[in-house]
Amino acid sequence: MLDREEDGSLEIGPREGFGGPQPTIILSPTDEPQRGRPRLHIDVNATDRDQDAELERLLKLGTRPADVGQTGEEPWPVLADPNTRDQQF
C-alpha cells in the first residue's frame, strides 16, 4: 500500500509511487448501493505520451466515449471498455 486517504481510499502500486512506469490503483469506497453486475472504474494516466495521444490510441483500439454523468468540466475523458458494446451506462 502506498497511501490511505481520510475517506477510506487506498492507493496500491510500486514503491516508486504515482507517475512511474508501473501503474498504481486507487480503491475508493462508495455509499451508493450497487445493483446488477459490480462495476470497476479505473483511472489511467499514460507516462510515455500526452493525454491527447493516448486518447487517440485508445479510440483506435475500439474504446468509445461514455456518459456516466460527468459535467463537461472534467479535464479527463471517460471511456467504455470496448468489450461491453451492448451494456448501457
C-alpha atoms as a PDB file:
ATOM      1  CA  MET A   1       0.000   0.000   0.000  1.00  0.00           C
ATOM      2  CA  LEU A   2       1.296   3.450  -0.907  1.00  0.00           C
ATOM      3  CA  ASP A   3      -1.252   5.737   0.729  1.00  0.00           C
ATOM      4  CA  ARG A   4      -4.559   5.864   2.629  1.00  0.00           C
ATOM      5  CA  GLU A   5      -6.889   8.877   2.450  1.00  0.00           C
ATOM      6  CA  GLU A   6      -9.275  10.102   5.162  1.00  0.00           C
ATOM      7  CA  ASP A   7     -12.284   8.962   3.059  1.00  0.00           C
ATOM      8  CA  GLY A   8     -11.030   5.363   3.173  1.00  0.00           C
ATOM      9  CA  SER A   9      -9.463   5.361  -0.319  1.00  0.00           C
ATOM     10  CA  LEU A  10      -6.381   3.190  -0.720  1.00  0.00           C
ATOM     11  CA  GLU A  11      -3.594   3.568  -3.264  1.00  0.00           C
ATOM     12  CA  ILE A  12      -1.658   0.448  -4.122  1.00  0.00           C
ATOM     13  CA  GLY A  13       1.227   0.054  -6.527  1.00  0.00           C
ATOM     14  CA  PRO A  14       5.003   0.028  -6.819  1.00  0.00           C
ATOM     15  CA  ARG A  15       7.095   1.645  -4.100  1.00  0.00           C
ATOM     16  CA  GLU A  16       8.153   4.424  -6.536  1.00  0.00           C
ATOM     17  CA  GLY A  17       4.560   5.725  -6.370  1.00  0.00           C
ATOM     18  CA  PHE A  18       2.482   7.631  -8.898  1.00  0.00           C
ATOM     19  CA  GLY A  19       3.913   8.541 -12.289  1.00  0.00           C
ATOM     20  CA  GLY A  20       6.394   5.718 -12.708  1.00  0.00           C
ATOM     21  CA  PRO A  21       6.438   3.127 -15.463  1.00  0.00           C
ATOM     22  CA  GLN A  22       4.199   0.789 -13.467  1.00  0.00           C
ATOM     23  CA  PRO A  23       0.556   1.573 -12.639  1.00  0.00           C
ATOM     24  CA  THR A  24      -0.902   2.488  -9.300  1.00  0.00           C
ATOM     25  CA  ILE A  25      -4.505   1.630  -8.421  1.00  0.00           C
ATOM     26  CA  ILE A  26      -6.735   3.731  -6.176  1.00  0.00           C
ATOM     27  CA  LEU A  27      -9.652   1.930  -4.499  1.00  0.00           C
ATOM     28  CA  SER A  28     -12.398   4.280  -3.298  1.00  0.00           C
ATOM     29  CA  PRO A  29     -15.394   3.350  -1.127  1.00  0.00           C
ATOM     30  CA  THR A  30     -18.926   4.364  -2.068  1.00  0.00           C
ATOM     31  CA  ASP A  31     -22.090   4.723  -0.029  1.00  0.00           C
ATOM     32  CA  GLU A  32     -24.300   4.155  -3.081  1.00  0.00           C
ATOM     33  CA  PRO A  33     -25.998   0.749  -3.277  1.00  0.00           C
ATOM     34  CA  GLN A  34     -24.957  -1.325  -6.270  1.00  0.00           C
ATOM     35  CA  ARG A  35     -27.445  -3.111  -8.498  1.00  0.00           C
ATOM     36  CA  GLY A  36     -26.616  -5.722 -11.081  1.00  0.00           C
ATOM     37  CA  ARG A  37     -23.069  -6.579 -12.003  1.00  0.00           C
ATOM     38  CA  PRO A  38     -20.344  -4.847  -9.993  1.00  0.00           C
ATOM     39  CA  ARG A  39     -18.535  -2.151 -11.979  1.00  0.00           C
ATOM     40  CA  LEU A  40     -14.885  -1.313 -11.911  1.00  0.00           C
ATOM     41  CA  HIS A  41     -13.790   2.278 -12.521  1.00  0.00           C
ATOM     42  CA  ILE A  42     -10.139   2.686 -13.438  1.00  0.00           C
ATOM     43  CA  ASP A  43      -8.291   5.986 -13.865  1.00  0.00           C
ATOM     44  CA  VAL A  44      -5.384   5.528 -16.260  1.00  0.00           C
ATOM     45  CA  ASN A  45      -2.613   8.021 -16.957  1.00  0.00           C
ATOM     46  CA  ALA A  46      -0.063   7.373 -19.681  1.00  0.00           C
ATOM     47  CA  THR A  47       3.515   8.106 -18.645  1.00  0.00           C
ATOM     48  CA  ASP A  48       5.096   7.892 -22.091  1.00  0.00           C
ATOM     49  CA  ARG A  49       2.799  10.273 -24.075  1.00  0.00           C
ATOM     50  CA  ASP A  50       0.386  13.141 -23.527  1.00  0.00           C
ATOM     51  CA  GLN A  51      -3.326  12.696 -22.893  1.00  0.00           C
ATOM     52  CA  ASP A  52      -4.421  13.540 -26.449  1.00  0.00           C
ATOM     53  CA  ALA A  53      -2.056  10.979 -27.976  1.00  0.00           C
ATOM     54  CA  GLU A  54      -3.184   8.307 -25.516  1.00  0.00           C
ATOM     55  CA  LEU A  55      -6.871   9.095 -26.153  1.00  0.00           C
ATOM     56  CA  GLU A  56      -6.336   8.772 -29.908  1.00  0.00           C
ATOM     57  CA  ARG A  57      -4.553   5.426 -29.405  1.00  0.00           C
ATOM     58  CA  LEU A  58      -7.353   4.056 -27.207  1.00  0.00           C
ATOM     59  CA  LEU A  59     -10.096   5.173 -29.616  1.00  0.00           C
ATOM     60  CA  LYS A  60      -8.282   3.400 -32.475  1.00  0.00           C
ATOM     61  CA  LEU A  61      -8.240   0.239 -30.335  1.00  0.00           C
ATOM     62  CA  GLY A  62     -12.045   0.272 -30.128  1.00  0.00           C
ATOM     63  CA  THR A  63     -12.991   2.076 -26.952  1.00  0.00           C
ATOM     64  CA  ARG A  64     -15.585   4.838 -27.150  1.00  0.00           C
ATOM     65  CA  PRO A  65     -16.648   7.862 -25.108  1.00  0.00           C
ATOM     66  CA  ALA A  66     -19.080   7.077 -22.287  1.00  0.00           C
ATOM     67  CA  ASP A  67     -21.515   9.329 -20.465  1.00  0.00           C
ATOM     68  CA  VAL A  68     -21.548   8.482 -16.775  1.00  0.00           C
ATOM     69  CA  GLY A  69     -22.952  11.788 -15.594  1.00  0.00           C
ATOM     70  CA  GLN A  70     -19.886  13.973 -15.950  1.00  0.00           C
ATOM     71  CA  THR A  71     -20.436  17.732 -16.034  1.00  0.00           C
ATOM     72  CA  GLY A  72     -18.250  18.529 -19.045  1.00  0.00           C
ATOM     73  CA  GLU A  73     -15.796  20.407 -16.825  1.00  0.00           C
ATOM     74  CA  GLU A  74     -13.611  17.350 -16.139  1.00  0.00           C
ATOM     75  CA  PRO A  75     -10.089  17.548 -17.576  1.00  0.00           C
ATOM     76  CA  TRP A  76     -10.193  13.835 -18.488  1.00  0.00           C
ATOM     77  CA  PRO A  77     -12.190  11.711 -20.935  1.00  0.00           C
ATOM     78  CA  VAL A  78     -14.440   8.876 -19.794  1.00  0.00           C
ATOM     79  CA  LEU A  79     -14.232   5.783 -21.984  1.00  0.00           C
ATOM     80  CA  ALA A  80     -16.125   2.498 -22.115  1.00  0.00           C
ATOM     81  CA  ASP A  81     -14.484  -0.888 -22.335  1.00  0.00           C
ATOM     82  CA  PRO A  82     -14.596  -1.975 -25.991  1.00  0.00           C
ATOM     83  CA  ASN A  83     -15.783  -5.411 -24.848  1.00  0.00           C
ATOM     84  CA  THR A  84     -19.034  -4.023 -23.393  1.00  0.00           C
ATOM     85  CA  ARG A  85     -20.609  -2.577 -26.557  1.00  0.00           C
ATOM     86  CA  ASP A  86     -24.161  -3.620 -25.622  1.00  0.00           C
ATOM     87  CA  GLN A  87     -24.013  -2.530 -21.989  1.00  0.00           C
ATOM     88  CA  GLN A  88     -25.816   0.665 -21.017  1.00  0.00           C
ATOM     89  CA  PHE A  89     -24.153   3.135 -18.643  1.00  0.00           C
END
